Amino acid sequence: MRVISGKYKGRNLIGFDIDGTRPTMDRIKESLFGSIQNYIKDSTVLDLFAGSGSLGIEALSNGAKSCYFVDSNIELINIIKKNTINIKEDINIIKCDYKVALQDFKNKNVKFDIIFLDPPYKFNLINDCLEKIKEYNLLNENGIIVCEYESEIVDTPYYNLIKYKKYGSKSIKIYKM
């Protein structure tokens, strides 16, 4: 697994083989970042359910100014720390449950321009996240939410769907305020 574009292009990332992780394939990541390129420059990013941190690191590589990486697995937190060594942008690595993290962002009035939601597929957490993001007002005006999922039915009355793409068994939906 590697960074596919931007200033960290070619950088190898570890953690794709950790039990419970499911890294976004390069071709999907390339298509996704081509779709959201206009939103990345100087953005504040949330990589919720960060895993190895691949999506957040790709955003930083392409011009995001900061990224919050959240995961509840200590092994993955340590992987993110290793994967982000020598990255110069503002990085915040947080080990906690997604609900606690979202509540904490609300309490600290932290808002995001891009939010990546790529939770473990078997738990169907995206709709709950979308609801909490809206309730806690965590998305900046003109911000986007990128959802990656497999069989979950993802639908929200709170945001406008601006892109939907299916890649085999995986789907990506991009929502905007």
C-alpha atoms as a PDB file:
ATOM      1  CA  MET A   1       0.000   0.000   0.000  1.00  0.00           C
ATOM      2  CA  ARG A   2       1.311   3.429  -0.885  1.00  0.00           C
ATOM      3  CA  VAL A   3       0.439   7.085  -1.296  1.00  0.00           C
ATOM      4  CA  ILE A   4      -0.694   7.427  -4.917  1.00  0.00           C
ATOM      5  CA  SER A   5      -0.430  11.178  -5.571  1.00  0.00           C
ATOM      6  CA  GLY A   6       0.778  14.521  -4.281  1.00  0.00           C
ATOM      7  CA  LYS A   7       3.933  15.474  -2.446  1.00  0.00           C
ATOM      8  CA  TYR A   8       4.185  12.141  -0.575  1.00  0.00           C
ATOM      9  CA  LYS A   9       3.530  10.086  -3.730  1.00  0.00           C
ATOM     10  CA  GLY A  10       5.187   6.681  -3.608  1.00  0.00           C
ATOM     11  CA  ARG A  11       5.505   6.663   0.173  1.00  0.00           C
ATOM     12  CA  ASN A  12       4.967   3.132   1.451  1.00  0.00           C
ATOM     13  CA  LEU A  13       2.311   2.660   4.121  1.00  0.00           C
ATOM     14  CA  ILE A  14       2.154  -0.217   6.570  1.00  0.00           C
ATOM     15  CA  GLY A  15      -0.901  -1.741   8.230  1.00  0.00           C
ATOM     16  CA  PHE A  16      -2.822  -3.155   5.295  1.00  0.00           C
ATOM     17  CA  ASP A  17      -2.467  -6.672   6.705  1.00  0.00           C
ATOM     18  CA  ILE A  18      -3.769  -5.997  10.236  1.00  0.00           C
ATOM     19  CA  ASP A  19      -6.775  -8.139  11.143  1.00  0.00           C
ATOM     20  CA  GLY A  20      -9.966  -6.142  10.747  1.00  0.00           C
ATOM     21  CA  THR A  21      -8.538  -3.623   8.280  1.00  0.00           C
ATOM     22  CA  ARG A  22      -9.593  -3.347   4.693  1.00  0.00           C
ATOM     23  CA  PRO A  23      -7.497  -0.796   2.853  1.00  0.00           C
ATOM     24  CA  THR A  24      -8.984   1.188  -0.010  1.00  0.00           C
ATOM     25  CA  MET A  25      -7.526  -0.213  -3.226  1.00  0.00           C
ATOM     26  CA  ASP A  26      -5.267   2.089  -5.263  1.00  0.00           C
ATOM     27  CA  ARG A  27      -7.642   2.311  -8.236  1.00  0.00           C
ATOM     28  CA  ILE A  28     -10.543   3.288  -5.962  1.00  0.00           C
ATOM     29  CA  LYS A  29      -8.375   5.784  -4.087  1.00  0.00           C
ATOM     30  CA  GLU A  30      -7.164   7.305  -7.357  1.00  0.00           C
ATOM     31  CA  SER A  31     -10.717   7.734  -8.648  1.00  0.00           C
ATOM     32  CA  LEU A  32     -11.943   9.063  -5.299  1.00  0.00           C
ATOM     33  CA  PHE A  33      -9.212  11.669  -4.966  1.00  0.00           C
ATOM     34  CA  GLY A  34      -9.721  12.745  -8.555  1.00  0.00           C
ATOM     35  CA  SER A  35     -13.363  13.412  -7.633  1.00  0.00           C
ATOM     36  CA  ILE A  36     -12.626  15.447  -4.498  1.00  0.00           C
ATOM     37  CA  GLN A  37      -9.440  17.241  -5.600  1.00  0.00           C
ATOM     38  CA  ASN A  38     -11.120  20.664  -5.616  1.00  0.00           C
ATOM     39  CA  TYR A  39     -12.062  20.304  -1.931  1.00  0.00           C
ATOM     40  CA  ILE A  40      -8.638  19.323  -0.566  1.00  0.00           C
ATOM     41  CA  LYS A  41      -6.410  22.415  -0.689  1.00  0.00           C
ATOM     42  CA  ASP A  42      -5.981  23.897   2.814  1.00  0.00           C
ATOM     43  CA  SER A  43      -8.759  21.691   4.212  1.00  0.00           C
ATOM     44  CA  THR A  44      -9.206  20.266   7.682  1.00  0.00           C
ATOM     45  CA  VAL A  45      -9.843  16.533   7.356  1.00  0.00           C
ATOM     46  CA  LEU A  46     -11.334  13.897   9.646  1.00  0.00           C
ATOM     47  CA  ASP A  47     -10.351  10.296   8.927  1.00  0.00           C
ATOM     48  CA  LEU A  48     -12.832   8.540  11.211  1.00  0.00           C
ATOM     49  CA  PHE A  49     -12.192   4.775  11.518  1.00  0.00           C
ATOM     50  CA  ALA A  50      -8.746   5.640  10.161  1.00  0.00           C
ATOM     51  CA  GLY A  51      -7.227   2.147  10.056  1.00  0.00           C
ATOM     52  CA  SER A  52      -3.734   2.670   8.625  1.00  0.00           C
ATOM     53  CA  GLY A  53      -4.466   6.347   7.961  1.00  0.00           C
ATOM     54  CA  SER A  54      -4.261   5.904   4.200  1.00  0.00           C
ATOM     55  CA  LEU A  55      -7.125   8.255   3.261  1.00  0.00           C
ATOM     56  CA  GLY A  56      -6.061  11.045   5.592  1.00  0.00           C
ATOM     57  CA  ILE A  57      -2.434  10.774   4.501  1.00  0.00           C
ATOM     58  CA  GLU A  58      -3.497  10.922   0.846  1.00  0.00           C
ATOM     59  CA  ALA A  59      -5.456  14.110   1.622  1.00  0.00           C
ATOM     60  CA  LEU A  60      -2.410  15.626   3.354  1.00  0.00           C
ATOM     61  CA  SER A  61      -0.251  14.634   0.391  1.00  0.00           C
ATOM     62  CA  ASN A  62      -2.634  16.522  -1.904  1.00  0.00           C
ATOM     63  CA  GLY A  63      -2.752  19.799   0.020  1.00  0.00           C
ATOM     64  CA  ALA A  64      -4.892  19.388   3.155  1.00  0.00           C
ATOM     65  CA  LYS A  65      -3.529  21.524   5.993  1.00  0.00           C
ATOM     66  CA  SER A  66      -4.500  19.208   8.850  1.00  0.00           C
ATOM     67  CA  CYS A  67      -5.953  15.787   9.575  1.00  0.00           C
ATOM     68  CA  TYR A  68      -7.517  14.164  12.613  1.00  0.00           C
ATOM     69  CA  PHE A  69      -7.051  10.387  12.587  1.00  0.00           C
ATOM     70  CA  VAL A  70      -9.470   8.498  14.847  1.00  0.00           C
ATOM     71  CA  ASP A  71      -9.435   4.775  15.553  1.00  0.00           C
ATOM     72  CA  SER A  72     -10.243   2.693  18.623  1.00  0.00           C
ATOM     73  CA  ASN A  73      -7.609   0.002  17.946  1.00  0.00           C
ATOM     74  CA  ILE A  74      -4.271   0.725  19.677  1.00  0.00           C
ATOM     75  CA  GLU A  75      -2.381  -1.382  17.126  1.00  0.00           C
ATOM     76  CA  LEU A  76      -3.750   0.796  14.322  1.00  0.00           C
ATOM     77  CA  ILE A  77      -2.994   3.987  16.258  1.00  0.00           C
ATOM     78  CA  ASN A  78       0.636   2.864  16.407  1.00  0.00           C
ATOM     79  CA  ILE A  79       0.560   2.121  12.652  1.00  0.00           C
ATOM     80  CA  ILE A  80      -0.790   5.624  11.943  1.00  0.00           C
ATOM     81  CA  LYS A  81       2.021   7.105  14.046  1.00  0.00           C
ATOM     82  CA  LYS A  82       4.568   5.190  11.962  1.00  0.00           C
ATOM     83  CA  ASN A  83       2.867   6.072   8.670  1.00  0.00           C
ATOM     84  CA  THR A  84       2.819   9.788   9.489  1.00  0.00           C
ATOM     85  CA  ILE A  85       6.472  10.130  10.550  1.00  0.00           C
ATOM     86  CA  ASN A  86       8.059  13.099   8.727  1.00  0.00           C
ATOM     87  CA  ILE A  87       4.732  14.438   7.469  1.00  0.00           C
ATOM     88  CA  LYS A  88       4.913  18.163   8.040  1.00  0.00           C
ATOM     89  CA  GLU A  89       1.202  19.076   8.144  1.00  0.00           C
ATOM     90  CA  ASP A  90      -0.825  19.315  11.364  1.00  0.00           C
ATOM     91  CA  ILE A  91      -1.655  15.780  12.517  1.00  0.00           C
ATOM     92  CA  ASN A  92      -3.847  14.717  15.436  1.00  0.00           C
ATOM     93  CA  ILE A  93      -4.013  10.997  16.235  1.00  0.00           C
ATOM     94  CA  ILE A  94      -6.825  10.048  18.592  1.00  0.00           C
ATOM     95  CA  LYS A  95      -7.473   6.634  20.101  1.00  0.00           C
ATOM     96  CA  CYS A  96     -11.129   6.405  21.030  1.00  0.00           C
ATOM     97  CA  ASP A  97     -14.556   5.245  19.952  1.00  0.00           C
ATOM     98  CA  TYR A  98     -16.067   7.225  17.078  1.00  0.00           C
ATOM     99  CA  LYS A  99     -19.033   8.407  19.183  1.00  0.00           C
ATOM    100  CA  VAL A 100     -16.729   9.800  21.858  1.00  0.00           C
ATOM    101  CA  ALA A 101     -14.566  11.488  19.206  1.00  0.00           C
ATOM    102  CA  LEU A 102     -17.544  13.132  17.487  1.00  0.00           C
ATOM    103  CA  GLN A 103     -18.894  14.393  20.821  1.00  0.00           C
ATOM    104  CA  ASP A 104     -15.443  15.730  21.717  1.00  0.00           C
ATOM    105  CA  PHE A 105     -15.175  17.583  18.391  1.00  0.00           C
ATOM    106  CA  LYS A 106     -18.561  19.155  19.111  1.00  0.00           C
ATOM    107  CA  ASN A 107     -17.484  20.185  22.608  1.00  0.00           C
ATOM    108  CA  LYS A 108     -14.270  21.745  21.259  1.00  0.00           C
ATOM    109  CA  ASN A 109     -16.079  23.349  18.290  1.00  0.00           C
ATOM    110  CA  VAL A 110     -13.860  21.551  15.752  1.00  0.00           C
ATOM    111  CA  LYS A 111     -15.313  21.469  12.231  1.00  0.00           C
ATOM    112  CA  PHE A 112     -14.151  19.740   9.079  1.00  0.00           C
ATOM    113  CA  ASP A 113     -14.007  20.384   5.351  1.00  0.00           C
ATOM    114  CA  ILE A 114     -13.675  16.692   4.471  1.00  0.00           C
ATOM    115  CA  ILE A 115     -14.835  13.725   6.527  1.00  0.00           C
ATOM    116  CA  PHE A 116     -13.919  10.179   5.511  1.00  0.00           C
ATOM    117  CA  LEU A 117     -16.272   7.470   6.806  1.00  0.00           C
ATOM    118  CA  ASP A 118     -14.872   4.011   6.111  1.00  0.00           C
ATOM    119  CA  PRO A 119     -15.970   1.941   9.128  1.00  0.00           C
ATOM    120  CA  PRO A 120     -15.784  -1.838   9.455  1.00  0.00           C
ATOM    121  CA  TYR A 121     -18.468  -2.979   7.022  1.00  0.00           C
ATOM    122  CA  LYS A 122     -20.167  -5.490   9.300  1.00  0.00           C
ATOM    123  CA  PHE A 123     -21.317  -2.861  11.822  1.00  0.00           C
ATOM    124  CA  ASN A 124     -23.323  -0.565   9.481  1.00  0.00           C
ATOM    125  CA  LEU A 125     -22.196   2.647  11.193  1.00  0.00           C
ATOM    126  CA  ILE A 126     -22.312   5.217   8.393  1.00  0.00           C
ATOM    127  CA  ASN A 127     -25.903   6.399   8.858  1.00  0.00           C
ATOM    128  CA  ASP A 128     -25.320   6.841  12.597  1.00  0.00           C
ATOM    129  CA  CYS A 129     -22.186   8.877  11.837  1.00  0.00           C
ATOM    130  CA  LEU A 130     -24.022  11.051   9.300  1.00  0.00           C
ATOM    131  CA  GLU A 131     -26.715  11.755  11.875  1.00  0.00           C
ATOM    132  CA  LYS A 132     -24.198  12.720  14.566  1.00  0.00           C
ATOM    133  CA  ILE A 133     -22.175  14.878  12.176  1.00  0.00           C
ATOM    134  CA  LYS A 134     -25.352  16.826  11.386  1.00  0.00           C
ATOM    135  CA  GLU A 135     -26.554  16.970  14.996  1.00  0.00           C
ATOM    136  CA  TYR A 136     -23.156  18.199  16.238  1.00  0.00           C
ATOM    137  CA  ASN A 137     -22.677  20.577  13.263  1.00  0.00           C
ATOM    138  CA  LEU A 138     -19.209  19.181  12.438  1.00  0.00           C
ATOM    139  CA  LEU A 139     -19.138  19.872   8.689  1.00  0.00           C
ATOM    140  CA  ASN A 140     -18.073  23.290   7.445  1.00  0.00           C
ATOM    141  CA  GLU A 141     -20.168  25.038   4.827  1.00  0.00           C
ATOM    142  CA  ASN A 142     -19.243  23.542   1.416  1.00  0.00           C
ATOM    143  CA  GLY A 143     -17.656  20.576   3.205  1.00  0.00           C
ATOM    144  CA  ILE A 144     -17.995  17.009   1.968  1.00  0.00           C
ATOM    145  CA  ILE A 145     -18.431  13.581   3.519  1.00  0.00           C
ATOM    146  CA  VAL A 146     -16.967  10.558   1.743  1.00  0.00           C
ATOM    147  CA  CYS A 147     -18.585   7.229   2.629  1.00  0.00           C
ATOM    148  CA  GLU A 148     -17.093   3.866   1.662  1.00  0.00           C
ATOM    149  CA  TYR A 149     -19.192   0.792   2.308  1.00  0.00           C
ATOM    150  CA  GLU A 150     -20.221  -2.614   1.020  1.00  0.00           C
ATOM    151  CA  SER A 151     -23.749  -3.830   1.792  1.00  0.00           C
ATOM    152  CA  GLU A 152     -25.004  -1.112   4.133  1.00  0.00           C
ATOM    153  CA  ILE A 153     -27.902   0.997   2.897  1.00  0.00           C
ATOM    154  CA  VAL A 154     -26.520   4.531   3.128  1.00  0.00           C
ATOM    155  CA  ASP A 155     -29.068   7.318   2.928  1.00  0.00           C
ATOM    156  CA  THR A 156     -29.442  10.661   4.659  1.00  0.00           C
ATOM    157  CA  PRO A 157     -31.935  13.508   4.505  1.00  0.00           C
ATOM    158  CA  TYR A 158     -29.304  15.904   5.879  1.00  0.00           C
ATOM    159  CA  TYR A 159     -26.886  16.123   2.961  1.00  0.00           C
ATOM    160  CA  ASN A 160     -27.000  16.208  -0.828  1.00  0.00           C
ATOM    161  CA  LEU A 161     -25.523  13.275  -2.733  1.00  0.00           C
ATOM    162  CA  ILE A 162     -23.068  14.694  -5.269  1.00  0.00           C
ATOM    163  CA  LYS A 163     -21.411  11.460  -6.433  1.00  0.00           C
ATOM    164  CA  TYR A 164     -22.064   7.735  -6.291  1.00  0.00           C
ATOM    165  CA  LYS A 165     -19.738   5.104  -7.711  1.00  0.00           C
ATOM    166  CA  LYS A 166     -19.649   1.333  -7.373  1.00  0.00           C
ATOM    167  CA  TYR A 167     -16.393  -0.638  -7.557  1.00  0.00           C
ATOM    168  CA  GLY A 168     -17.237  -4.344  -7.509  1.00  0.00           C
ATOM    169  CA  SER A 169     -18.682  -5.012  -4.043  1.00  0.00           C
ATOM    170  CA  LYS A 170     -17.616  -1.610  -2.659  1.00  0.00           C
ATOM    171  CA  SER A 171     -19.505   1.643  -3.067  1.00  0.00           C
ATOM    172  CA  ILE A 172     -18.525   5.265  -2.531  1.00  0.00           C
ATOM    173  CA  LYS A 173     -20.991   8.064  -1.874  1.00  0.00           C
ATOM    174  CA  ILE A 174     -19.929  11.670  -1.560  1.00  0.00           C
ATOM    175  CA  TYR A 175     -22.281  14.053   0.234  1.00  0.00           C
ATOM    176  CA  LYS A 176     -22.191  17.824   0.460  1.00  0.00           C
ATOM    177  CA  MET A 177     -23.892  20.302   2.782  1.00  0.00           C
END
